[in-house]
Amino acid sequence: MPVTCVEEGRHLTAAVAGELDHHGARAVMEELDRQIDAAMPRELTLDLKGLTFTDSSGIAVLLRSWRRMGQLQGAMRVVNTPAQAGKVFQAAGLGRIIRFE
């Protein structure tokens, strides 16, 4: 599961591509943790444009990132969410705590 991160100042953008299922979620979480720890961003943007599939593992990835940013007193937003992933996240109620654009 490729995760490409770009840091600009105190803003970290992480682009996730491929399938985000139980096989790839752990690697994505570990990479996001590493990048967040290194950058200590004020804002994290997760760009899901390249995401082709997700299941409940994607929910766990988003919640873990959201919690980590909360520990840093930072913000998080999710952009370019594909329709299939949007349905999964909406069903879980993530829109109540995470900003989707």
N, C-alpha and C. Protein backbone atom coordinates (compact mmCIF):
# COMPACT_ATOMS: atom_id res chain seq x y z
N MET A 1 0.86 -1.18 0.00
CA MET A 1 0.00 0.00 0.00
C MET A 1 0.89 1.23 0.00
N PRO A 2 0.97 1.91 -1.11
CA PRO A 2 1.82 3.11 -1.16
C PRO A 2 1.21 4.29 -0.41
N VAL A 3 2.06 4.96 0.37
CA VAL A 3 1.72 6.22 1.02
C VAL A 3 2.83 7.19 0.65
N THR A 4 2.45 8.29 0.03
CA THR A 4 3.41 9.30 -0.35
C THR A 4 3.15 10.54 0.47
N CYS A 5 4.17 10.99 1.19
CA CYS A 5 4.01 12.14 2.08
C CYS A 5 4.83 13.32 1.59
N VAL A 6 4.24 14.50 1.71
CA VAL A 6 4.91 15.75 1.37
C VAL A 6 4.71 16.70 2.55
N GLU A 7 5.82 17.26 3.02
CA GLU A 7 5.77 18.19 4.14
C GLU A 7 6.06 19.60 3.64
N GLU A 8 5.19 20.52 4.00
CA GLU A 8 5.40 21.93 3.68
C GLU A 8 5.16 22.72 4.95
N GLY A 9 6.23 23.20 5.55
CA GLY A 9 6.09 23.91 6.81
C GLY A 9 5.54 22.96 7.86
N ARG A 10 4.48 23.34 8.49
CA ARG A 10 3.86 22.51 9.52
C ARG A 10 2.63 21.79 8.98
N HIS A 11 2.58 21.60 7.66
CA HIS A 11 1.46 20.92 7.02
C HIS A 11 1.99 19.66 6.34
N LEU A 12 1.38 18.52 6.66
CA LEU A 12 1.77 17.24 6.08
C LEU A 12 0.63 16.72 5.23
N THR A 13 0.93 16.39 3.98
CA THR A 13 -0.06 15.78 3.08
C THR A 13 0.38 14.35 2.81
N ALA A 14 -0.54 13.41 3.04
CA ALA A 14 -0.26 12.00 2.81
C ALA A 14 -1.25 11.48 1.78
N ALA A 15 -0.73 11.03 0.65
CA ALA A 15 -1.56 10.47 -0.41
C ALA A 15 -1.53 8.94 -0.29
N VAL A 16 -2.71 8.36 -0.19
CA VAL A 16 -2.84 6.91 -0.04
C VAL A 16 -3.38 6.35 -1.35
N ALA A 17 -2.75 5.29 -1.85
CA ALA A 17 -3.17 4.70 -3.12
C ALA A 17 -3.33 3.19 -2.97
N GLY A 18 -4.18 2.62 -3.80
CA GLY A 18 -4.39 1.18 -3.80
C GLY A 18 -5.53 0.77 -2.90
N GLU A 19 -5.47 -0.45 -2.38
CA GLU A 19 -6.51 -0.99 -1.52
C GLU A 19 -6.12 -0.84 -0.06
N LEU A 20 -7.02 -0.31 0.72
CA LEU A 20 -6.78 -0.13 2.16
C LEU A 20 -7.64 -1.15 2.89
N ASP A 21 -7.09 -2.36 3.04
CA ASP A 21 -7.79 -3.44 3.72
C ASP A 21 -6.91 -3.94 4.86
N HIS A 22 -7.29 -5.05 5.47
CA HIS A 22 -6.53 -5.53 6.62
C HIS A 22 -5.09 -5.89 6.28
N HIS A 23 -4.80 -6.17 5.03
CA HIS A 23 -3.42 -6.49 4.64
C HIS A 23 -2.54 -5.25 4.62
N GLY A 24 -3.08 -4.12 4.17
CA GLY A 24 -2.27 -2.92 4.02
C GLY A 24 -2.41 -1.89 5.11
N ALA A 25 -3.44 -2.00 5.93
CA ALA A 25 -3.72 -0.95 6.92
C ALA A 25 -2.59 -0.78 7.93
N ARG A 26 -2.03 -1.86 8.40
CA ARG A 26 -0.96 -1.75 9.40
C ARG A 26 0.23 -0.97 8.84
N ALA A 27 0.61 -1.28 7.61
CA ALA A 27 1.74 -0.58 6.99
C ALA A 27 1.44 0.91 6.82
N VAL A 28 0.21 1.23 6.44
CA VAL A 28 -0.19 2.64 6.29
C VAL A 28 -0.15 3.34 7.64
N MET A 29 -0.69 2.71 8.68
CA MET A 29 -0.68 3.31 10.01
C MET A 29 0.75 3.55 10.50
N GLU A 30 1.62 2.57 10.29
CA GLU A 30 3.01 2.72 10.73
C GLU A 30 3.71 3.84 9.98
N GLU A 31 3.47 3.93 8.69
CA GLU A 31 4.10 5.00 7.90
C GLU A 31 3.56 6.37 8.31
N LEU A 32 2.26 6.47 8.51
CA LEU A 32 1.68 7.74 8.95
C LEU A 32 2.21 8.13 10.32
N ASP A 33 2.33 7.17 11.23
CA ASP A 33 2.90 7.46 12.55
C ASP A 33 4.32 8.00 12.42
N ARG A 34 5.14 7.35 11.58
CA ARG A 34 6.53 7.81 11.38
C ARG A 34 6.57 9.23 10.83
N GLN A 35 5.74 9.48 9.83
CA GLN A 35 5.74 10.79 9.20
C GLN A 35 5.23 11.88 10.15
N ILE A 36 4.19 11.57 10.91
CA ILE A 36 3.65 12.54 11.87
C ILE A 36 4.68 12.81 12.97
N ASP A 37 5.33 11.77 13.46
CA ASP A 37 6.35 11.96 14.50
C ASP A 37 7.52 12.79 14.00
N ALA A 38 7.90 12.60 12.75
CA ALA A 38 9.03 13.35 12.19
C ALA A 38 8.67 14.81 11.90
N ALA A 39 7.47 15.04 11.37
CA ALA A 39 7.09 16.39 10.94
C ALA A 39 6.44 17.22 12.04
N MET A 40 5.78 16.55 13.00
CA MET A 40 5.03 17.25 14.06
C MET A 40 4.14 18.34 13.44
N PRO A 41 3.28 17.96 12.49
CA PRO A 41 2.50 18.96 11.74
C PRO A 41 1.38 19.59 12.57
N ARG A 42 0.99 20.77 12.17
CA ARG A 42 -0.19 21.43 12.76
C ARG A 42 -1.44 20.95 12.03
N GLU A 43 -1.25 20.52 10.77
CA GLU A 43 -2.38 20.00 9.99
C GLU A 43 -1.93 18.81 9.15
N LEU A 44 -2.79 17.80 9.12
CA LEU A 44 -2.58 16.62 8.29
C LEU A 44 -3.70 16.56 7.27
N THR A 45 -3.32 16.42 6.01
CA THR A 45 -4.30 16.20 4.95
C THR A 45 -4.09 14.79 4.40
N LEU A 46 -5.13 13.98 4.46
CA LEU A 46 -5.09 12.66 3.84
C LEU A 46 -5.78 12.76 2.49
N ASP A 47 -5.02 12.54 1.43
CA ASP A 47 -5.55 12.59 0.07
C ASP A 47 -5.82 11.16 -0.38
N LEU A 48 -7.08 10.84 -0.58
CA LEU A 48 -7.47 9.47 -0.92
C LEU A 48 -7.80 9.29 -2.40
N LYS A 49 -7.35 10.21 -3.22
CA LYS A 49 -7.67 10.15 -4.65
C LYS A 49 -7.27 8.81 -5.28
N GLY A 50 -6.16 8.23 -4.86
CA GLY A 50 -5.68 6.98 -5.44
C GLY A 50 -6.22 5.73 -4.78
N LEU A 51 -7.10 5.89 -3.82
CA LEU A 51 -7.67 4.74 -3.10
C LEU A 51 -8.67 4.02 -4.00
N THR A 52 -8.49 2.71 -4.16
CA THR A 52 -9.40 1.95 -5.02
C THR A 52 -10.41 1.13 -4.23
N PHE A 53 -10.12 0.86 -2.95
CA PHE A 53 -11.03 0.07 -2.11
C PHE A 53 -10.66 0.28 -0.66
N THR A 54 -11.66 0.27 0.21
CA THR A 54 -11.40 0.21 1.64
C THR A 54 -12.51 -0.56 2.33
N ASP A 55 -12.17 -1.08 3.49
CA ASP A 55 -13.15 -1.74 4.35
C ASP A 55 -13.01 -1.11 5.73
N SER A 56 -13.39 -1.81 6.77
CA SER A 56 -13.32 -1.23 8.11
C SER A 56 -11.89 -0.91 8.54
N SER A 57 -10.92 -1.50 7.89
CA SER A 57 -9.53 -1.17 8.19
C SER A 57 -9.22 0.28 7.87
N GLY A 58 -9.86 0.81 6.84
CA GLY A 58 -9.69 2.23 6.51
C GLY A 58 -10.22 3.13 7.60
N ILE A 59 -11.30 2.70 8.24
CA ILE A 59 -11.85 3.45 9.37
C ILE A 59 -10.81 3.54 10.48
N ALA A 60 -10.16 2.41 10.77
CA ALA A 60 -9.13 2.38 11.81
C ALA A 60 -7.97 3.31 11.47
N VAL A 61 -7.56 3.35 10.21
CA VAL A 61 -6.46 4.22 9.80
C VAL A 61 -6.83 5.68 10.03
N LEU A 62 -8.03 6.08 9.61
CA LEU A 62 -8.46 7.46 9.79
C LEU A 62 -8.58 7.83 11.26
N LEU A 63 -9.16 6.95 12.07
CA LEU A 63 -9.31 7.24 13.49
C LEU A 63 -7.96 7.35 14.19
N ARG A 64 -7.04 6.47 13.85
CA ARG A 64 -5.71 6.53 14.48
C ARG A 64 -5.01 7.84 14.11
N SER A 65 -5.09 8.25 12.86
CA SER A 65 -4.47 9.50 12.44
C SER A 65 -5.13 10.69 13.12
N TRP A 66 -6.45 10.66 13.23
CA TRP A 66 -7.19 11.74 13.89
C TRP A 66 -6.79 11.85 15.36
N ARG A 67 -6.69 10.71 16.02
CA ARG A 67 -6.28 10.72 17.44
C ARG A 67 -4.86 11.24 17.60
N ARG A 68 -3.97 10.82 16.71
CA ARG A 68 -2.57 11.27 16.78
C ARG A 68 -2.48 12.78 16.59
N MET A 69 -3.25 13.31 15.65
CA MET A 69 -3.24 14.76 15.44
C MET A 69 -3.85 15.48 16.64
N GLY A 70 -4.82 14.87 17.29
CA GLY A 70 -5.39 15.44 18.50
C GLY A 70 -4.36 15.53 19.62
N GLN A 71 -3.50 14.53 19.72
CA GLN A 71 -2.44 14.55 20.72
C GLN A 71 -1.48 15.72 20.47
N LEU A 72 -1.31 16.09 19.22
CA LEU A 72 -0.43 17.21 18.86
C LEU A 72 -1.17 18.53 18.83
N GLN A 73 -2.46 18.49 19.17
CA GLN A 73 -3.33 19.66 19.11
C GLN A 73 -3.36 20.24 17.70
N GLY A 74 -3.36 19.32 16.73
CA GLY A 74 -3.41 19.71 15.33
C GLY A 74 -4.75 19.34 14.72
N ALA A 75 -4.89 19.65 13.45
CA ALA A 75 -6.13 19.40 12.71
C ALA A 75 -5.88 18.35 11.63
N MET A 76 -6.96 17.75 11.20
CA MET A 76 -6.88 16.75 10.13
C MET A 76 -8.06 16.92 9.20
N ARG A 77 -7.81 16.73 7.92
CA ARG A 77 -8.88 16.74 6.93
C ARG A 77 -8.61 15.64 5.92
N VAL A 78 -9.67 15.18 5.28
CA VAL A 78 -9.58 14.13 4.27
C VAL A 78 -10.13 14.71 2.97
N VAL A 79 -9.38 14.56 1.89
CA VAL A 79 -9.80 15.11 0.60
C VAL A 79 -9.83 14.01 -0.46
N ASN A 80 -10.58 14.28 -1.51
CA ASN A 80 -10.66 13.39 -2.69
C ASN A 80 -11.07 11.96 -2.33
N THR A 81 -12.09 11.83 -1.50
CA THR A 81 -12.55 10.51 -1.08
C THR A 81 -13.37 9.86 -2.18
N PRO A 82 -12.96 8.68 -2.67
CA PRO A 82 -13.75 7.97 -3.69
C PRO A 82 -15.12 7.56 -3.12
N ALA A 83 -16.07 7.34 -4.00
CA ALA A 83 -17.45 7.03 -3.60
C ALA A 83 -17.53 5.81 -2.69
N GLN A 84 -16.86 4.73 -3.04
CA GLN A 84 -16.95 3.50 -2.24
C GLN A 84 -16.43 3.75 -0.83
N ALA A 85 -15.29 4.41 -0.71
CA ALA A 85 -14.72 4.71 0.60
C ALA A 85 -15.61 5.68 1.37
N GLY A 86 -16.19 6.64 0.67
CA GLY A 86 -17.08 7.60 1.31
C GLY A 86 -18.26 6.91 1.97
N LYS A 87 -18.80 5.87 1.32
CA LYS A 87 -19.92 5.13 1.89
C LYS A 87 -19.51 4.40 3.17
N VAL A 88 -18.32 3.83 3.16
CA VAL A 88 -17.81 3.12 4.35
C VAL A 88 -17.64 4.11 5.50
N PHE A 89 -17.01 5.25 5.22
CA PHE A 89 -16.74 6.24 6.26
C PHE A 89 -18.04 6.89 6.77
N GLN A 90 -18.98 7.11 5.86
CA GLN A 90 -20.26 7.71 6.25
C GLN A 90 -21.03 6.74 7.15
N ALA A 91 -21.04 5.46 6.79
CA ALA A 91 -21.75 4.46 7.59
C ALA A 91 -21.18 4.38 9.00
N ALA A 92 -19.88 4.64 9.13
CA ALA A 92 -19.23 4.60 10.45
C ALA A 92 -19.42 5.91 11.22
N GLY A 93 -19.97 6.93 10.57
CA GLY A 93 -20.19 8.21 11.25
C GLY A 93 -18.95 9.06 11.39
N LEU A 94 -17.93 8.80 10.59
CA LEU A 94 -16.68 9.56 10.72
C LEU A 94 -16.84 11.04 10.40
N GLY A 95 -17.84 11.37 9.59
CA GLY A 95 -18.07 12.77 9.23
C GLY A 95 -18.41 13.66 10.43
N ARG A 96 -18.78 13.04 11.54
CA ARG A 96 -19.10 13.82 12.74
C ARG A 96 -17.85 14.31 13.46
N ILE A 97 -16.70 13.62 13.24
CA ILE A 97 -15.48 14.02 13.96
C ILE A 97 -14.33 14.41 13.04
N ILE A 98 -14.36 13.93 11.79
CA ILE A 98 -13.28 14.23 10.85
C ILE A 98 -13.84 15.08 9.73
N ARG A 99 -13.05 16.07 9.33
CA ARG A 99 -13.47 16.99 8.25
C ARG A 99 -13.18 16.34 6.90
N PHE A 100 -14.24 16.11 6.13
CA PHE A 100 -14.12 15.57 4.77
C PHE A 100 -14.41 16.70 3.80
N GLU A 101 -13.56 16.85 2.80
CA GLU A 101 -13.77 17.90 1.78
C GLU A 101 -13.78 17.27 0.41
